[in-house]
Amino acid sequence: MTTSLFWISYAAAWVLLLALSGGLLVLFRFSVRAYRMQPPAGMGDVGAMHGPPLDARPPLLELQDMAGAPVTIGAPAGVAQLIVFAKSTCPRCRVAIDFLRAVASEHPHLQTTIVCGGDGAAVEKCAAMVRPPMRAVADPRGEGTSKWRVSQLPLGVVLDSTGSVQARGDPTSTALLAVLNRQLEGHRNGTGPRLDGAGVVAGAAG
């Protein structure tokens, strides 16, 4: 009888331990997700409002490249476009730019633009990380981040061949890259998966 009670207690203890471990894992994943979605101080609750609206052409951005030549961001280009907002002082931005070098090299027909924010020195440091076929443009006054409702960095925006927003979110996320790949494969009819600012497929059942 004593032996049976011992094993029952032993088994119950393991079940309780596993349940607690599972609960802690869920809590940890929720905390990480909440941290990644937290907007910077002063930005308020942005939620899915992070980035330009889906299925629409974003406002045109009249910026300049590093040589001072005018560049229009957001206009239809006839090919898929990846626009990434970044700053040199953002560690995740540096990681994203390094990662996207390989993506741009594999798809030279993809128009990849890094919009560098911050003051003059920060813009130059950001642009120094950009390599062809990517291009860097300057947004020292934050006009682009304001018009495109950028509240977190880095922000990647995928435009189809008509200039319509098909995805927005972390430029290194699997979900955003999947949308980009579909655009590169010729699925540019607007029926593919689209992401909101939190990296969630728009219109998906939740």
Foldseek 3Di string as FASTA:
>chain_A
DVVVVVVVVVVVVVVVVVVVVVVVVVVVVVVVLCVVLDFPPPLPRCPLVAFADAQDQFDWDFFAFPVRHTDIPLAQDQAKEKEKEAWQVDPLQLVLQVVCVVVCVVPVVYAYEYEYEAAPVRLVNSQVSHDPPYGYTYDDPCPVCVRGVHRDPTKMWMAANRSGTAEIERSPDPLVVVSVVCSNVPVRPNPDWYYGHSRHTPPDDD
